[in-house]
Amino acid sequence: MDPVLETVLGSRSATQTLLFLQAYGSGHASRIAATYDVPLNPIYMQLRRLEAGGVLVSRMVGRTRVFEFDPRNPTVRHLRDFLDAELELLSDEQVKKYYRQRQRPRRTGKGL
């Protein structure tokens, strides 16, 4: 992660959370924490803080709370443009490791 980006966004967990949501569109706390191999609580606290601030919205999918950017907030559009620019600056290794993970399940019986 870029230390300048962490300074602008306030913390490493905020940076990781926002970049993940920008790359994947939506996500839940345990998936974000597992992606970066960090504790769950700081990620969850950032998600709740960003939701309270109007940057994110959440919905329940089964028993899981899924977060995504609030499409009705006009400031979020500019934040997402900024995050897109930051994602482009990441190395190919970082992009493959964190932002290109398989999201859909595989068909039963399909080989790797």
PDB file of N, CA and C in Angstrom:
ATOM      1  N   MET A   1       0.834  -1.188   0.000  1.00  0.00           N
ATOM      2  CA  MET A   1       0.000   0.000   0.000  1.00  0.00           C
ATOM      3  C   MET A   1       0.879   1.252   0.000  1.00  0.00           C
ATOM      4  N   ASP A   2       0.363   2.259  -0.592  1.00  0.00           N
ATOM      5  CA  ASP A   2       1.069   3.525  -0.689  1.00  0.00           C
ATOM      6  C   ASP A   2       0.892   4.313   0.612  1.00  0.00           C
ATOM      7  N   PRO A   3       2.009   4.695   1.278  1.00  0.00           N
ATOM      8  CA  PRO A   3       1.871   5.446   2.536  1.00  0.00           C
ATOM      9  C   PRO A   3       1.181   6.796   2.361  1.00  0.00           C
ATOM     10  N   VAL A   4       1.313   7.400   1.182  1.00  0.00           N
ATOM     11  CA  VAL A   4       0.641   8.682   0.939  1.00  0.00           C
ATOM     12  C   VAL A   4      -0.869   8.478   0.925  1.00  0.00           C
ATOM     13  N   LEU A   5      -1.298   7.406   0.290  1.00  0.00           N
ATOM     14  CA  LEU A   5      -2.729   7.108   0.244  1.00  0.00           C
ATOM     15  C   LEU A   5      -3.272   6.842   1.642  1.00  0.00           C
ATOM     16  N   GLU A   6      -2.495   6.137   2.458  1.00  0.00           N
ATOM     17  CA  GLU A   6      -2.909   5.885   3.840  1.00  0.00           C
ATOM     18  C   GLU A   6      -3.026   7.192   4.610  1.00  0.00           C
ATOM     19  N   THR A   7      -2.124   8.123   4.365  1.00  0.00           N
ATOM     20  CA  THR A   7      -2.175   9.423   5.035  1.00  0.00           C
ATOM     21  C   THR A   7      -3.430  10.189   4.631  1.00  0.00           C
ATOM     22  N   VAL A   8      -3.753  10.161   3.356  1.00  0.00           N
ATOM     23  CA  VAL A   8      -4.928  10.887   2.861  1.00  0.00           C
ATOM     24  C   VAL A   8      -6.215  10.282   3.402  1.00  0.00           C
ATOM     25  N   LEU A   9      -6.295   8.954   3.400  1.00  0.00           N
ATOM     26  CA  LEU A   9      -7.529   8.292   3.831  1.00  0.00           C
ATOM     27  C   LEU A   9      -7.613   8.065   5.328  1.00  0.00           C
ATOM     28  N   GLY A  10      -6.516   8.239   6.049  1.00  0.00           N
ATOM     29  CA  GLY A  10      -6.561   8.187   7.505  1.00  0.00           C
ATOM     30  C   GLY A  10      -5.954   6.961   8.139  1.00  0.00           C
ATOM     31  N   SER A  11      -6.005   5.817   7.468  1.00  0.00           N
ATOM     32  CA  SER A  11      -5.445   4.604   8.060  1.00  0.00           C
ATOM     33  C   SER A  11      -5.275   3.536   6.983  1.00  0.00           C
ATOM     34  N   ARG A  12      -4.512   2.524   7.335  1.00  0.00           N
ATOM     35  CA  ARG A  12      -4.303   1.411   6.410  1.00  0.00           C
ATOM     36  C   ARG A  12      -5.603   0.644   6.190  1.00  0.00           C
ATOM     37  N   SER A  13      -6.376   0.448   7.242  1.00  0.00           N
ATOM     38  CA  SER A  13      -7.623  -0.313   7.090  1.00  0.00           C
ATOM     39  C   SER A  13      -8.635   0.442   6.213  1.00  0.00           C
ATOM     40  N   ALA A  14      -8.677   1.754   6.310  1.00  0.00           N
ATOM     41  CA  ALA A  14      -9.561   2.541   5.444  1.00  0.00           C
ATOM     42  C   ALA A  14      -9.114   2.429   3.993  1.00  0.00           C
ATOM     43  N   THR A  15      -7.810   2.468   3.769  1.00  0.00           N
ATOM     44  CA  THR A  15      -7.267   2.346   2.421  1.00  0.00           C
ATOM     45  C   THR A  15      -7.602   0.983   1.835  1.00  0.00           C
ATOM     46  N   GLN A  16      -7.371  -0.068   2.596  1.00  0.00           N
ATOM     47  CA  GLN A  16      -7.650  -1.412   2.120  1.00  0.00           C
ATOM     48  C   GLN A  16      -9.136  -1.599   1.834  1.00  0.00           C
ATOM     49  N   THR A  17      -9.966  -1.098   2.714  1.00  0.00           N
ATOM     50  CA  THR A  17     -11.410  -1.239   2.556  1.00  0.00           C
ATOM     51  C   THR A  17     -11.899  -0.542   1.290  1.00  0.00           C
ATOM     52  N   LEU A  18     -11.491   0.694   1.093  1.00  0.00           N
ATOM     53  CA  LEU A  18     -11.964   1.454  -0.062  1.00  0.00           C
ATOM     54  C   LEU A  18     -11.424   0.901  -1.375  1.00  0.00           C
ATOM     55  N   LEU A  19     -10.154   0.502  -1.402  1.00  0.00           N
ATOM     56  CA  LEU A  19      -9.599  -0.072  -2.628  1.00  0.00           C
ATOM     57  C   LEU A  19     -10.285  -1.398  -2.971  1.00  0.00           C
ATOM     58  N   PHE A  20     -10.560  -2.210  -1.973  1.00  0.00           N
ATOM     59  CA  PHE A  20     -11.265  -3.474  -2.215  1.00  0.00           C
ATOM     60  C   PHE A  20     -12.643  -3.209  -2.816  1.00  0.00           C
ATOM     61  N   LEU A  21     -13.394  -2.307  -2.203  1.00  0.00           N
ATOM     62  CA  LEU A  21     -14.741  -2.017  -2.695  1.00  0.00           C
ATOM     63  C   LEU A  21     -14.703  -1.408  -4.095  1.00  0.00           C
ATOM     64  N   GLN A  22     -13.699  -0.606  -4.387  1.00  0.00           N
ATOM     65  CA  GLN A  22     -13.576  -0.040  -5.722  1.00  0.00           C
ATOM     66  C   GLN A  22     -13.280  -1.137  -6.745  1.00  0.00           C
ATOM     67  N   ALA A  23     -12.418  -2.062  -6.389  1.00  0.00           N
ATOM     68  CA  ALA A  23     -12.034  -3.120  -7.321  1.00  0.00           C
ATOM     69  C   ALA A  23     -13.157  -4.131  -7.553  1.00  0.00           C
ATOM     70  N   TYR A  24     -13.882  -4.493  -6.504  1.00  0.00           N
ATOM     71  CA  TYR A  24     -14.883  -5.557  -6.600  1.00  0.00           C
ATOM     72  C   TYR A  24     -16.329  -5.064  -6.623  1.00  0.00           C
ATOM     73  N   GLY A  25     -16.570  -3.814  -6.293  1.00  0.00           N
ATOM     74  CA  GLY A  25     -17.933  -3.279  -6.318  1.00  0.00           C
ATOM     75  C   GLY A  25     -18.678  -3.410  -5.007  1.00  0.00           C
ATOM     76  N   SER A  26     -18.494  -4.524  -4.319  1.00  0.00           N
ATOM     77  CA  SER A  26     -19.128  -4.720  -3.017  1.00  0.00           C
ATOM     78  C   SER A  26     -18.321  -5.763  -2.259  1.00  0.00           C
ATOM     79  N   GLY A  27     -18.597  -5.865  -0.971  1.00  0.00           N
ATOM     80  CA  GLY A  27     -17.885  -6.856  -0.181  1.00  0.00           C
ATOM     81  C   GLY A  27     -18.339  -6.843   1.263  1.00  0.00           C
ATOM     82  N   HIS A  28     -17.963  -7.880   1.980  1.00  0.00           N
ATOM     83  CA  HIS A  28     -18.276  -7.948   3.399  1.00  0.00           C
ATOM     84  C   HIS A  28     -16.976  -7.980   4.188  1.00  0.00           C
ATOM     85  N   ALA A  29     -17.073  -7.676   5.451  1.00  0.00           N
ATOM     86  CA  ALA A  29     -15.895  -7.459   6.291  1.00  0.00           C
ATOM     87  C   ALA A  29     -14.957  -8.657   6.306  1.00  0.00           C
ATOM     88  N   SER A  30     -15.487  -9.854   6.453  1.00  0.00           N
ATOM     89  CA  SER A  30     -14.603 -11.013   6.552  1.00  0.00           C
ATOM     90  C   SER A  30     -13.878 -11.286   5.245  1.00  0.00           C
ATOM     91  N   ARG A  31     -14.504 -11.031   4.121  1.00  0.00           N
ATOM     92  CA  ARG A  31     -13.834 -11.210   2.819  1.00  0.00           C
ATOM     93  C   ARG A  31     -12.698 -10.204   2.647  1.00  0.00           C
ATOM     94  N   ILE A  32     -12.945  -8.949   3.034  1.00  0.00           N
ATOM     95  CA  ILE A  32     -11.918  -7.914   2.929  1.00  0.00           C
ATOM     96  C   ILE A  32     -10.748  -8.258   3.841  1.00  0.00           C
ATOM     97  N   ALA A  33     -11.046  -8.634   5.076  1.00  0.00           N
ATOM     98  CA  ALA A  33      -9.992  -8.983   6.033  1.00  0.00           C
ATOM     99  C   ALA A  33      -9.192 -10.187   5.548  1.00  0.00           C
ATOM    100  N   ALA A  34      -9.849 -11.175   4.989  1.00  0.00           N
ATOM    101  CA  ALA A  34      -9.151 -12.362   4.496  1.00  0.00           C
ATOM    102  C   ALA A  34      -8.278 -12.034   3.292  1.00  0.00           C
ATOM    103  N   THR A  35      -8.731 -11.136   2.440  1.00  0.00           N
ATOM    104  CA  THR A  35      -7.951 -10.755   1.264  1.00  0.00           C
ATOM    105  C   THR A  35      -6.610 -10.172   1.655  1.00  0.00           C
ATOM    106  N   TYR A  36      -6.610  -9.299   2.656  1.00  0.00           N
ATOM    107  CA  TYR A  36      -5.378  -8.626   3.083  1.00  0.00           C
ATOM    108  C   TYR A  36      -4.687  -9.334   4.243  1.00  0.00           C
ATOM    109  N   ASP A  37      -5.295 -10.414   4.745  1.00  0.00           N
ATOM    110  CA  ASP A  37      -4.761 -11.158   5.880  1.00  0.00           C
ATOM    111  C   ASP A  37      -4.537 -10.237   7.084  1.00  0.00           C
ATOM    112  N   VAL A  38      -5.600  -9.510   7.442  1.00  0.00           N
ATOM    113  CA  VAL A  38      -5.580  -8.589   8.584  1.00  0.00           C
ATOM    114  C   VAL A  38      -6.730  -8.961   9.516  1.00  0.00           C
ATOM    115  N   PRO A  39      -6.714  -8.473  10.759  1.00  0.00           N
ATOM    116  CA  PRO A  39      -7.822  -8.748  11.683  1.00  0.00           C
ATOM    117  C   PRO A  39      -9.154  -8.187  11.171  1.00  0.00           C
ATOM    118  N   LEU A  40     -10.222  -8.835  11.534  1.00  0.00           N
ATOM    119  CA  LEU A  40     -11.561  -8.462  11.082  1.00  0.00           C
ATOM    120  C   LEU A  40     -12.046  -7.152  11.694  1.00  0.00           C
ATOM    121  N   ASN A  41     -11.804  -6.934  12.977  1.00  0.00           N
ATOM    122  CA  ASN A  41     -12.373  -5.784  13.671  1.00  0.00           C
ATOM    123  C   ASN A  41     -12.016  -4.425  13.050  1.00  0.00           C
ATOM    124  N   PRO A  42     -10.756  -4.131  12.718  1.00  0.00           N
ATOM    125  CA  PRO A  42     -10.476  -2.818  12.120  1.00  0.00           C
ATOM    126  C   PRO A  42     -11.205  -2.605  10.788  1.00  0.00           C
ATOM    127  N   ILE A  43     -11.327  -3.653   9.998  1.00  0.00           N
ATOM    128  CA  ILE A  43     -12.035  -3.534   8.719  1.00  0.00           C
ATOM    129  C   ILE A  43     -13.513  -3.272   8.976  1.00  0.00           C
ATOM    130  N   TYR A  44     -14.101  -4.004   9.896  1.00  0.00           N
ATOM    131  CA  TYR A  44     -15.513  -3.822  10.203  1.00  0.00           C
ATOM    132  C   TYR A  44     -15.777  -2.414  10.749  1.00  0.00           C
ATOM    133  N   MET A  45     -14.896  -1.932  11.600  1.00  0.00           N
ATOM    134  CA  MET A  45     -15.069  -0.578  12.152  1.00  0.00           C
ATOM    135  C   MET A  45     -14.986   0.475  11.042  1.00  0.00           C
ATOM    136  N   GLN A  46     -14.090   0.289  10.080  1.00  0.00           N
ATOM    137  CA  GLN A  46     -14.001   1.223   8.954  1.00  0.00           C
ATOM    138  C   GLN A  46     -15.271   1.179   8.109  1.00  0.00           C
ATOM    139  N   LEU A  47     -15.773  -0.009   7.855  1.00  0.00           N
ATOM    140  CA  LEU A  47     -17.008  -0.125   7.078  1.00  0.00           C
ATOM    141  C   LEU A  47     -18.156   0.594   7.768  1.00  0.00           C
ATOM    142  N   ARG A  48     -18.300   0.401   9.068  1.00  0.00           N
ATOM    143  CA  ARG A  48     -19.372   1.068   9.817  1.00  0.00           C
ATOM    144  C   ARG A  48     -19.181   2.588   9.842  1.00  0.00           C
ATOM    145  N   ARG A  49     -17.933   3.041   9.998  1.00  0.00           N
ATOM    146  CA  ARG A  49     -17.635   4.473  10.001  1.00  0.00           C
ATOM    147  C   ARG A  49     -17.959   5.096   8.644  1.00  0.00           C
ATOM    148  N   LEU A  50     -17.564   4.434   7.570  1.00  0.00           N
ATOM    149  CA  LEU A  50     -17.831   4.945   6.230  1.00  0.00           C
ATOM    150  C   LEU A  50     -19.323   4.915   5.907  1.00  0.00           C
ATOM    151  N   GLU A  51     -20.029   3.938   6.434  1.00  0.00           N
ATOM    152  CA  GLU A  51     -21.475   3.894   6.246  1.00  0.00           C
ATOM    153  C   GLU A  51     -22.152   5.038   7.007  1.00  0.00           C
ATOM    154  N   ALA A  52     -21.723   5.276   8.230  1.00  0.00           N
ATOM    155  CA  ALA A  52     -22.290   6.371   9.024  1.00  0.00           C
ATOM    156  C   ALA A  52     -22.005   7.727   8.378  1.00  0.00           C
ATOM    157  N   GLY A  53     -20.886   7.844   7.672  1.00  0.00           N
ATOM    158  CA  GLY A  53     -20.526   9.087   7.000  1.00  0.00           C
ATOM    159  C   GLY A  53     -21.182   9.270   5.644  1.00  0.00           C
ATOM    160  N   GLY A  54     -21.945   8.283   5.187  1.00  0.00           N
ATOM    161  CA  GLY A  54     -22.655   8.412   3.922  1.00  0.00           C
ATOM    162  C   GLY A  54     -21.857   7.999   2.697  1.00  0.00           C
ATOM    163  N   VAL A  55     -20.684   7.430   2.888  1.00  0.00           N
ATOM    164  CA  VAL A  55     -19.865   6.996   1.759  1.00  0.00           C
ATOM    165  C   VAL A  55     -20.329   5.627   1.269  1.00  0.00           C
ATOM    166  N   LEU A  56     -20.725   4.765   2.194  1.00  0.00           N
ATOM    167  CA  LEU A  56     -21.152   3.409   1.870  1.00  0.00           C
ATOM    168  C   LEU A  56     -22.590   3.177   2.284  1.00  0.00           C
ATOM    169  N   VAL A  57     -23.201   2.188   1.669  1.00  0.00           N
ATOM    170  CA  VAL A  57     -24.499   1.676   2.089  1.00  0.00           C
ATOM    171  C   VAL A  57     -24.334   0.172   2.271  1.00  0.00           C
ATOM    172  N   SER A  58     -25.207  -0.417   3.060  1.00  0.00           N
ATOM    173  CA  SER A  58     -25.114  -1.857   3.283  1.00  0.00           C
ATOM    174  C   SER A  58     -26.490  -2.487   3.163  1.00  0.00           C
ATOM    175  N   ARG A  59     -26.460  -3.800   2.944  1.00  0.00           N
ATOM    176  CA  ARG A  59     -27.691  -4.584   2.884  1.00  0.00           C
ATOM    177  C   ARG A  59     -27.364  -5.974   3.400  1.00  0.00           C
ATOM    178  N   MET A  60     -28.364  -6.645   3.867  1.00  0.00           N
ATOM    179  CA  MET A  60     -28.180  -8.002   4.355  1.00  0.00           C
ATOM    180  C   MET A  60     -28.395  -8.985   3.206  1.00  0.00           C
ATOM    181  N   VAL A  61     -27.459  -9.907   3.068  1.00  0.00           N
ATOM    182  CA  VAL A  61     -27.594 -11.021   2.133  1.00  0.00           C
ATOM    183  C   VAL A  61     -27.485 -12.265   2.999  1.00  0.00           C
ATOM    184  N   GLY A  62     -28.626 -12.841   3.316  1.00  0.00           N
ATOM    185  CA  GLY A  62     -28.654 -13.919   4.296  1.00  0.00           C
ATOM    186  C   GLY A  62     -28.309 -13.341   5.660  1.00  0.00           C
ATOM    187  N   ARG A  63     -27.259 -13.872   6.276  1.00  0.00           N
ATOM    188  CA  ARG A  63     -26.815 -13.339   7.568  1.00  0.00           C
ATOM    189  C   ARG A  63     -25.594 -12.441   7.429  1.00  0.00           C
ATOM    190  N   THR A  64     -25.207 -12.119   6.213  1.00  0.00           N
ATOM    191  CA  THR A  64     -23.998 -11.336   5.958  1.00  0.00           C
ATOM    192  C   THR A  64     -24.363  -9.920   5.539  1.00  0.00           C
ATOM    193  N   ARG A  65     -23.705  -8.930   6.129  1.00  0.00           N
ATOM    194  CA  ARG A  65     -23.907  -7.541   5.748  1.00  0.00           C
ATOM    195  C   ARG A  65     -22.904  -7.192   4.647  1.00  0.00           C
ATOM    196  N   VAL A  66     -23.424  -6.848   3.470  1.00  0.00           N
ATOM    197  CA  VAL A  66     -22.609  -6.528   2.306  1.00  0.00           C
ATOM    198  C   VAL A  66     -22.613  -5.015   2.113  1.00  0.00           C
ATOM    199  N   PHE A  67     -21.426  -4.455   1.902  1.00  0.00           N
ATOM    200  CA  PHE A  67     -21.253  -3.009   1.756  1.00  0.00           C
ATOM    201  C   PHE A  67     -20.899  -2.671   0.322  1.00  0.00           C
ATOM    202  N   GLU A  68     -21.330  -1.474  -0.116  1.00  0.00           N
ATOM    203  CA  GLU A  68     -20.956  -0.936  -1.425  1.00  0.00           C
ATOM    204  C   GLU A  68     -21.029   0.585  -1.355  1.00  0.00           C
ATOM    205  N   PHE A  69     -20.488   1.238  -2.363  1.00  0.00           N
ATOM    206  CA  PHE A  69     -20.511   2.698  -2.380  1.00  0.00           C
ATOM    207  C   PHE A  69     -21.943   3.185  -2.550  1.00  0.00           C
ATOM    208  N   ASP A  70     -22.251   4.325  -1.918  1.00  0.00           N
ATOM    209  CA  ASP A  70     -23.580   4.923  -2.013  1.00  0.00           C
ATOM    210  C   ASP A  70     -23.704   5.639  -3.362  1.00  0.00           C
ATOM    211  N   PRO A  71     -24.517   5.133  -4.269  1.00  0.00           N
ATOM    212  CA  PRO A  71     -24.620   5.761  -5.596  1.00  0.00           C
ATOM    213  C   PRO A  71     -25.334   7.116  -5.576  1.00  0.00           C
ATOM    214  N   ARG A  72     -26.040   7.416  -4.501  1.00  0.00           N
ATOM    215  CA  ARG A  72     -26.769   8.687  -4.418  1.00  0.00           C
ATOM    216  C   ARG A  72     -25.922   9.830  -3.885  1.00  0.00           C
ATOM    217  N   ASN A  73     -24.742   9.530  -3.362  1.00  0.00           N
ATOM    218  CA  ASN A  73     -23.863  10.564  -2.816  1.00  0.00           C
ATOM    219  C   ASN A  73     -22.983  11.103  -3.939  1.00  0.00           C
ATOM    220  N   PRO A  74     -23.128  12.400  -4.290  1.00  0.00           N
ATOM    221  CA  PRO A  74     -22.353  12.941  -5.411  1.00  0.00           C
ATOM    222  C   PRO A  74     -20.839  12.991  -5.147  1.00  0.00           C
ATOM    223  N   THR A  75     -20.431  13.086  -3.910  1.00  0.00           N
ATOM    224  CA  THR A  75     -19.010  13.131  -3.581  1.00  0.00           C
ATOM    225  C   THR A  75     -18.347  11.782  -3.819  1.00  0.00           C
ATOM    226  N   VAL A  76     -19.097  10.723  -3.700  1.00  0.00           N
ATOM    227  CA  VAL A  76     -18.558   9.374  -3.868  1.00  0.00           C
ATOM    228  C   VAL A  76     -18.027   9.189  -5.288  1.00  0.00           C
ATOM    229  N   ARG A  77     -18.655   9.803  -6.264  1.00  0.00           N
ATOM    230  CA  ARG A  77     -18.196   9.701  -7.645  1.00  0.00           C
ATOM    231  C   ARG A  77     -16.751  10.168  -7.774  1.00  0.00           C
ATOM    232  N   HIS A  78     -16.422  11.275  -7.133  1.00  0.00           N
ATOM    233  CA  HIS A  78     -15.057  11.807  -7.184  1.00  0.00           C
ATOM    234  C   HIS A  78     -14.090  10.913  -6.401  1.00  0.00           C
ATOM    235  N   LEU A  79     -14.540  10.395  -5.279  1.00  0.00           N
ATOM    236  CA  LEU A  79     -13.716   9.466  -4.507  1.00  0.00           C
ATOM    237  C   LEU A  79     -13.402   8.227  -5.332  1.00  0.00           C
ATOM    238  N   ARG A  80     -14.379   7.713  -6.048  1.00  0.00           N
ATOM    239  CA  ARG A  80     -14.171   6.517  -6.871  1.00  0.00           C
ATOM    240  C   ARG A  80     -13.211   6.795  -8.023  1.00  0.00           C
ATOM    241  N   ASP A  81     -13.279   7.978  -8.600  1.00  0.00           N
ATOM    242  CA  ASP A  81     -12.319   8.356  -9.646  1.00  0.00           C
ATOM    243  C   ASP A  81     -10.904   8.375  -9.080  1.00  0.00           C
ATOM    244  N   PHE A  82     -10.759   8.916  -7.884  1.00  0.00           N
ATOM    245  CA  PHE A  82      -9.458   8.956  -7.206  1.00  0.00           C
ATOM    246  C   PHE A  82      -8.948   7.543  -6.938  1.00  0.00           C
ATOM    247  N   LEU A  83      -9.825   6.677  -6.450  1.00  0.00           N
ATOM    248  CA  LEU A  83      -9.434   5.300  -6.155  1.00  0.00           C
ATOM    249  C   LEU A  83      -9.069   4.536  -7.432  1.00  0.00           C
ATOM    250  N   ASP A  84      -9.783   4.799  -8.533  1.00  0.00           N
ATOM    251  CA  ASP A  84      -9.427   4.184  -9.813  1.00  0.00           C
ATOM    252  C   ASP A  84      -8.010   4.572 -10.226  1.00  0.00           C
ATOM    253  N   ALA A  85      -7.685   5.836 -10.061  1.00  0.00           N
ATOM    254  CA  ALA A  85      -6.337   6.307 -10.403  1.00  0.00           C
ATOM    255  C   ALA A  85      -5.291   5.627  -9.530  1.00  0.00           C
ATOM    256  N   GLU A  86      -5.591   5.437  -8.265  1.00  0.00           N
ATOM    257  CA  GLU A  86      -4.652   4.764  -7.358  1.00  0.00           C
ATOM    258  C   GLU A  86      -4.493   3.294  -7.712  1.00  0.00           C
ATOM    259  N   LEU A  87      -5.570   2.637  -8.109  1.00  0.00           N
ATOM    260  CA  LEU A  87      -5.473   1.237  -8.506  1.00  0.00           C
ATOM    261  C   LEU A  87      -4.596   1.066  -9.746  1.00  0.00           C
ATOM    262  N   GLU A  88      -4.639   2.030 -10.637  1.00  0.00           N
ATOM    263  CA  GLU A  88      -3.799   1.972 -11.837  1.00  0.00           C
ATOM    264  C   GLU A  88      -2.321   2.108 -11.509  1.00  0.00           C
ATOM    265  N   LEU A  89      -1.988   2.755 -10.391  1.00  0.00           N
ATOM    266  CA  LEU A  89      -0.592   2.956 -10.009  1.00  0.00           C
ATOM    267  C   LEU A  89       0.026   1.740  -9.313  1.00  0.00           C
ATOM    268  N   LEU A  90      -0.804   0.785  -8.908  1.00  0.00           N
ATOM    269  CA  LEU A  90      -0.293  -0.389  -8.207  1.00  0.00           C
ATOM    270  C   LEU A  90       0.479  -1.296  -9.163  1.00  0.00           C
ATOM    271  N   SER A  91       1.414  -2.038  -8.614  1.00  0.00           N
ATOM    272  CA  SER A  91       2.191  -2.969  -9.424  1.00  0.00           C
ATOM    273  C   SER A  91       1.304  -4.137  -9.864  1.00  0.00           C
ATOM    274  N   ASP A  92       1.723  -4.812 -10.929  1.00  0.00           N
ATOM    275  CA  ASP A  92       0.969  -5.961 -11.425  1.00  0.00           C
ATOM    276  C   ASP A  92       0.867  -7.052 -10.365  1.00  0.00           C
ATOM    277  N   GLU A  93       1.916  -7.205  -9.577  1.00  0.00           N
ATOM    278  CA  GLU A  93       1.922  -8.216  -8.516  1.00  0.00           C
ATOM    279  C   GLU A  93       0.841  -7.918  -7.478  1.00  0.00           C
ATOM    280  N   GLN A  94       0.739  -6.652  -7.048  1.00  0.00           N
ATOM    281  CA  GLN A  94      -0.293  -6.271  -6.073  1.00  0.00           C
ATOM    282  C   GLN A  94      -1.688  -6.446  -6.658  1.00  0.00           C
ATOM    283  N   VAL A  95      -1.869  -6.084  -7.907  1.00  0.00           N
ATOM    284  CA  VAL A  95      -3.182  -6.207  -8.538  1.00  0.00           C
ATOM    285  C   VAL A  95      -3.601  -7.668  -8.588  1.00  0.00           C
ATOM    286  N   LYS A  96      -2.706  -8.561  -8.991  1.00  0.00           N
ATOM    287  CA  LYS A  96      -3.035  -9.987  -9.058  1.00  0.00           C
ATOM    288  C   LYS A  96      -3.323 -10.559  -7.680  1.00  0.00           C
ATOM    289  N   LYS A  97      -2.553 -10.148  -6.689  1.00  0.00           N
ATOM    290  CA  LYS A  97      -2.696 -10.706  -5.346  1.00  0.00           C
ATOM    291  C   LYS A  97      -3.988 -10.269  -4.656  1.00  0.00           C
ATOM    292  N   TYR A  98      -4.340  -8.993  -4.787  1.00  0.00           N
ATOM    293  CA  TYR A  98      -5.462  -8.452  -4.009  1.00  0.00           C
ATOM    294  C   TYR A  98      -6.729  -8.156  -4.811  1.00  0.00           C
ATOM    295  N   TYR A  99      -6.607  -7.833  -6.084  1.00  0.00           N
ATOM    296  CA  TYR A  99      -7.754  -7.258  -6.796  1.00  0.00           C
ATOM    297  C   TYR A  99      -8.223  -8.054  -7.997  1.00  0.00           C
ATOM    298  N   ARG A 100      -7.738  -9.268  -8.179  1.00  0.00           N
ATOM    299  CA  ARG A 100      -8.208 -10.099  -9.281  1.00  0.00           C
ATOM    300  C   ARG A 100      -8.543 -11.506  -8.807  1.00  0.00           C
ATOM    301  N   GLN A 101      -9.144 -11.610  -7.650  1.00  0.00           N
ATOM    302  CA  GLN A 101      -9.510 -12.906  -7.107  1.00  0.00           C
ATOM    303  C   GLN A 101     -10.845 -13.361  -7.696  1.00  0.00           C
ATOM    304  N   ARG A 102     -10.979 -14.642  -7.828  1.00  0.00           N
ATOM    305  CA  ARG A 102     -12.220 -15.217  -8.358  1.00  0.00           C
ATOM    306  C   ARG A 102     -13.368 -14.919  -7.392  1.00  0.00           C
ATOM    307  N   GLN A 103     -14.481 -14.453  -7.935  1.00  0.00           N
ATOM    308  CA  GLN A 103     -15.627 -14.079  -7.110  1.00  0.00           C
ATOM    309  C   GLN A 103     -16.773 -15.078  -7.191  1.00  0.00           C
ATOM    310  N   ARG A 104     -16.892 -15.779  -8.292  1.00  0.00           N
ATOM    311  CA  ARG A 104     -18.012 -16.695  -8.456  1.00  0.00           C
ATOM    312  C   ARG A 104     -17.560 -18.119  -8.152  1.00  0.00           C
ATOM    313  N   PRO A 105     -18.478 -18.947  -7.682  1.00  0.00           N
ATOM    314  CA  PRO A 105     -18.116 -20.347  -7.408  1.00  0.00           C
ATOM    315  C   PRO A 105     -17.929 -21.121  -8.716  1.00  0.00           C
ATOM    316  N   ARG A 106     -17.148 -22.184  -8.626  1.00  0.00           N
ATOM    317  CA  ARG A 106     -16.927 -23.052  -9.786  1.00  0.00           C
ATOM    318  C   ARG A 106     -18.077 -24.046  -9.902  1.00  0.00           C
ATOM    319  N   ARG A 107     -18.329 -24.472 -11.131  1.00  0.00           N
ATOM    320  CA  ARG A 107     -19.342 -25.489 -11.378  1.00  0.00           C
ATOM    321  C   ARG A 107     -18.896 -26.797 -10.711  1.00  0.00           C
ATOM    322  N   THR A 108     -19.818 -27.531 -10.149  1.00  0.00           N
ATOM    323  CA  THR A 108     -19.517 -28.801  -9.501  1.00  0.00           C
ATOM    324  C   THR A 108     -18.887 -29.757 -10.508  1.00  0.00           C
ATOM    325  N   GLY A 109     -17.755 -30.342 -10.126  1.00  0.00           N
ATOM    326  CA  GLY A 109     -17.082 -31.311 -10.976  1.00  0.00           C
ATOM    327  C   GLY A 109     -16.138 -30.713 -11.998  1.00  0.00           C
ATOM    328  N   LYS A 110     -16.092 -29.399 -12.111  1.00  0.00           N
ATOM    329  CA  LYS A 110     -15.215 -28.773 -13.090  1.00  0.00           C
ATOM    330  C   LYS A 110     -13.781 -28.823 -12.569  1.00  0.00           C
ATOM    331  N   GLY A 111     -12.851 -29.208 -13.413  1.00  0.00           N
ATOM    332  CA  GLY A 111     -11.459 -29.306 -13.021  1.00  0.00           C
ATOM    333  C   GLY A 111     -10.798 -27.945 -12.902  1.00  0.00           C
ATOM    334  N   LEU A 112      -9.695 -27.923 -12.201  1.00  0.00           N
ATOM    335  CA  LEU A 112      -8.964 -26.672 -12.048  1.00  0.00           C
ATOM    336  C   LEU A 112      -8.147 -26.426 -13.276  1.00  0.00           C
TER     337      LEU A 112
END
